[in-house]
Amino acid sequence: MNNDNQMRPYEQEFFAPKPTPFSLHIRVNPIWQLVRFLVLNIKMLILVRKH
């Protein structure tokens, strides 16, 4: 029996990839968070006004 085809836990492909420096910057940038917050709220307001 060949053991090479079996999946092994804790191998590299089972872990999430490390975020890039740009991704980390975007996640903690308060200006970008404010923009995303406003966009989300506008979308919710549009949805509520339709119904």
N, C-alpha and C. Protein backbone atom coordinates (compact mmCIF):
# COMPACT_ATOMS: atom_id res chain seq x y z
N MET A 1 0.84 -1.18 0.00
CA MET A 1 0.00 0.00 0.00
C MET A 1 0.89 1.25 0.00
N ASN A 2 0.56 2.20 -0.84
CA ASN A 2 1.36 3.41 -0.99
C ASN A 2 0.85 4.49 -0.04
N ASN A 3 1.69 4.97 0.83
CA ASN A 3 1.29 5.99 1.81
C ASN A 3 1.43 7.41 1.27
N ASP A 4 1.97 7.59 0.08
CA ASP A 4 2.18 8.92 -0.47
C ASP A 4 0.87 9.62 -0.82
N ASN A 5 -0.19 8.87 -1.11
CA ASN A 5 -1.46 9.46 -1.51
C ASN A 5 -2.34 9.84 -0.32
N GLN A 6 -1.94 9.50 0.87
CA GLN A 6 -2.75 9.81 2.04
C GLN A 6 -2.52 11.26 2.45
N MET A 7 -3.59 11.87 2.96
CA MET A 7 -3.49 13.24 3.44
C MET A 7 -2.90 13.23 4.85
N ARG A 8 -2.01 14.15 5.09
CA ARG A 8 -1.39 14.25 6.40
C ARG A 8 -1.80 15.58 7.05
N PRO A 9 -2.35 15.53 8.27
CA PRO A 9 -2.72 16.79 8.93
C PRO A 9 -1.48 17.60 9.29
N TYR A 10 -1.69 18.87 9.41
CA TYR A 10 -0.64 19.82 9.80
C TYR A 10 0.41 20.02 8.73
N GLU A 11 0.09 19.68 7.50
CA GLU A 11 0.98 20.00 6.39
C GLU A 11 0.73 21.45 5.98
N GLN A 12 1.58 21.99 5.17
CA GLN A 12 1.50 23.40 4.78
C GLN A 12 0.17 23.75 4.12
N GLU A 13 -0.40 22.87 3.30
CA GLU A 13 -1.62 23.21 2.57
C GLU A 13 -2.86 23.27 3.47
N PHE A 14 -2.75 22.86 4.72
CA PHE A 14 -3.88 22.91 5.63
C PHE A 14 -3.97 24.22 6.39
N PHE A 15 -2.95 25.05 6.31
CA PHE A 15 -2.93 26.31 7.04
C PHE A 15 -3.30 27.46 6.11
N ALA A 16 -3.89 28.49 6.68
CA ALA A 16 -4.24 29.68 5.90
C ALA A 16 -2.95 30.38 5.46
N PRO A 17 -2.96 30.99 4.26
CA PRO A 17 -1.77 31.67 3.81
C PRO A 17 -1.49 32.92 4.63
N LYS A 18 -0.24 33.27 4.73
CA LYS A 18 0.16 34.46 5.47
C LYS A 18 -0.26 35.70 4.67
N PRO A 19 -0.96 36.66 5.30
CA PRO A 19 -1.39 37.84 4.56
C PRO A 19 -0.20 38.70 4.13
N THR A 20 -0.38 39.36 3.01
CA THR A 20 0.67 40.23 2.50
C THR A 20 0.72 41.51 3.33
N PRO A 21 1.82 42.24 3.27
CA PRO A 21 1.88 43.52 4.00
C PRO A 21 0.77 44.49 3.58
N PHE A 22 0.40 44.47 2.29
CA PHE A 22 -0.69 45.34 1.84
C PHE A 22 -2.00 44.94 2.49
N SER A 23 -2.27 43.64 2.57
CA SER A 23 -3.51 43.17 3.20
C SER A 23 -3.56 43.57 4.67
N LEU A 24 -2.45 43.44 5.34
CA LEU A 24 -2.40 43.83 6.75
C LEU A 24 -2.64 45.32 6.91
N HIS A 25 -2.06 46.11 6.02
CA HIS A 25 -2.24 47.56 6.07
C HIS A 25 -3.70 47.94 5.86
N ILE A 26 -4.35 47.32 4.89
CA ILE A 26 -5.75 47.61 4.60
C ILE A 26 -6.65 47.22 5.79
N ARG A 27 -6.33 46.13 6.44
CA ARG A 27 -7.16 45.66 7.56
C ARG A 27 -7.15 46.62 8.73
N VAL A 28 -6.05 47.31 8.95
CA VAL A 28 -5.94 48.18 10.13
C VAL A 28 -6.06 49.66 9.77
N ASN A 29 -6.27 49.98 8.51
CA ASN A 29 -6.36 51.37 8.08
C ASN A 29 -7.74 51.93 8.45
N PRO A 30 -7.81 52.92 9.36
CA PRO A 30 -9.11 53.44 9.78
C PRO A 30 -9.87 54.14 8.66
N ILE A 31 -9.19 54.76 7.74
CA ILE A 31 -9.86 55.43 6.63
C ILE A 31 -10.57 54.40 5.75
N TRP A 32 -9.89 53.31 5.42
CA TRP A 32 -10.50 52.25 4.61
C TRP A 32 -11.67 51.61 5.36
N GLN A 33 -11.51 51.42 6.67
CA GLN A 33 -12.60 50.84 7.46
C GLN A 33 -13.81 51.76 7.45
N LEU A 34 -13.60 53.06 7.51
CA LEU A 34 -14.70 54.01 7.47
C LEU A 34 -15.41 53.94 6.12
N VAL A 35 -14.65 53.86 5.03
CA VAL A 35 -15.23 53.75 3.70
C VAL A 35 -16.07 52.49 3.59
N ARG A 36 -15.54 51.37 4.02
CA ARG A 36 -16.28 50.11 3.95
C ARG A 36 -17.53 50.16 4.83
N PHE A 37 -17.43 50.80 6.00
CA PHE A 37 -18.57 50.95 6.89
C PHE A 37 -19.67 51.76 6.22
N LEU A 38 -19.30 52.86 5.58
CA LEU A 38 -20.28 53.71 4.90
C LEU A 38 -20.94 52.96 3.74
N VAL A 39 -20.16 52.26 2.96
CA VAL A 39 -20.71 51.50 1.83
C VAL A 39 -21.69 50.45 2.33
N LEU A 40 -21.33 49.76 3.38
CA LEU A 40 -22.22 48.74 3.93
C LEU A 40 -23.52 49.36 4.44
N ASN A 41 -23.42 50.49 5.13
CA ASN A 41 -24.62 51.14 5.65
C ASN A 41 -25.51 51.66 4.52
N ILE A 42 -24.92 52.18 3.48
CA ILE A 42 -25.71 52.65 2.34
C ILE A 42 -26.44 51.49 1.70
N LYS A 43 -25.77 50.37 1.55
CA LYS A 43 -26.42 49.18 0.98
C LYS A 43 -27.59 48.73 1.85
N MET A 44 -27.40 48.77 3.16
CA MET A 44 -28.49 48.36 4.06
C MET A 44 -29.66 49.34 3.98
N LEU A 45 -29.37 50.63 3.90
CA LEU A 45 -30.43 51.63 3.79
C LEU A 45 -31.24 51.44 2.50
N ILE A 46 -30.56 51.16 1.42
CA ILE A 46 -31.24 50.91 0.15
C ILE A 46 -32.15 49.69 0.26
N LEU A 47 -31.63 48.65 0.88
CA LEU A 47 -32.40 47.43 1.06
C LEU A 47 -33.65 47.68 1.91
N VAL A 48 -33.50 48.42 3.00
CA VAL A 48 -34.62 48.70 3.89
C VAL A 48 -35.65 49.60 3.21
N ARG A 49 -35.21 50.56 2.44
CA ARG A 49 -36.15 51.46 1.75
C ARG A 49 -36.96 50.74 0.68
N LYS A 50 -36.39 49.70 0.08
CA LYS A 50 -37.12 48.95 -0.95
C LYS A 50 -38.29 48.19 -0.36
N HIS A 51 -38.16 47.76 0.87
CA HIS A 51 -39.22 46.96 1.48
C HIS A 51 -39.91 47.80 2.48
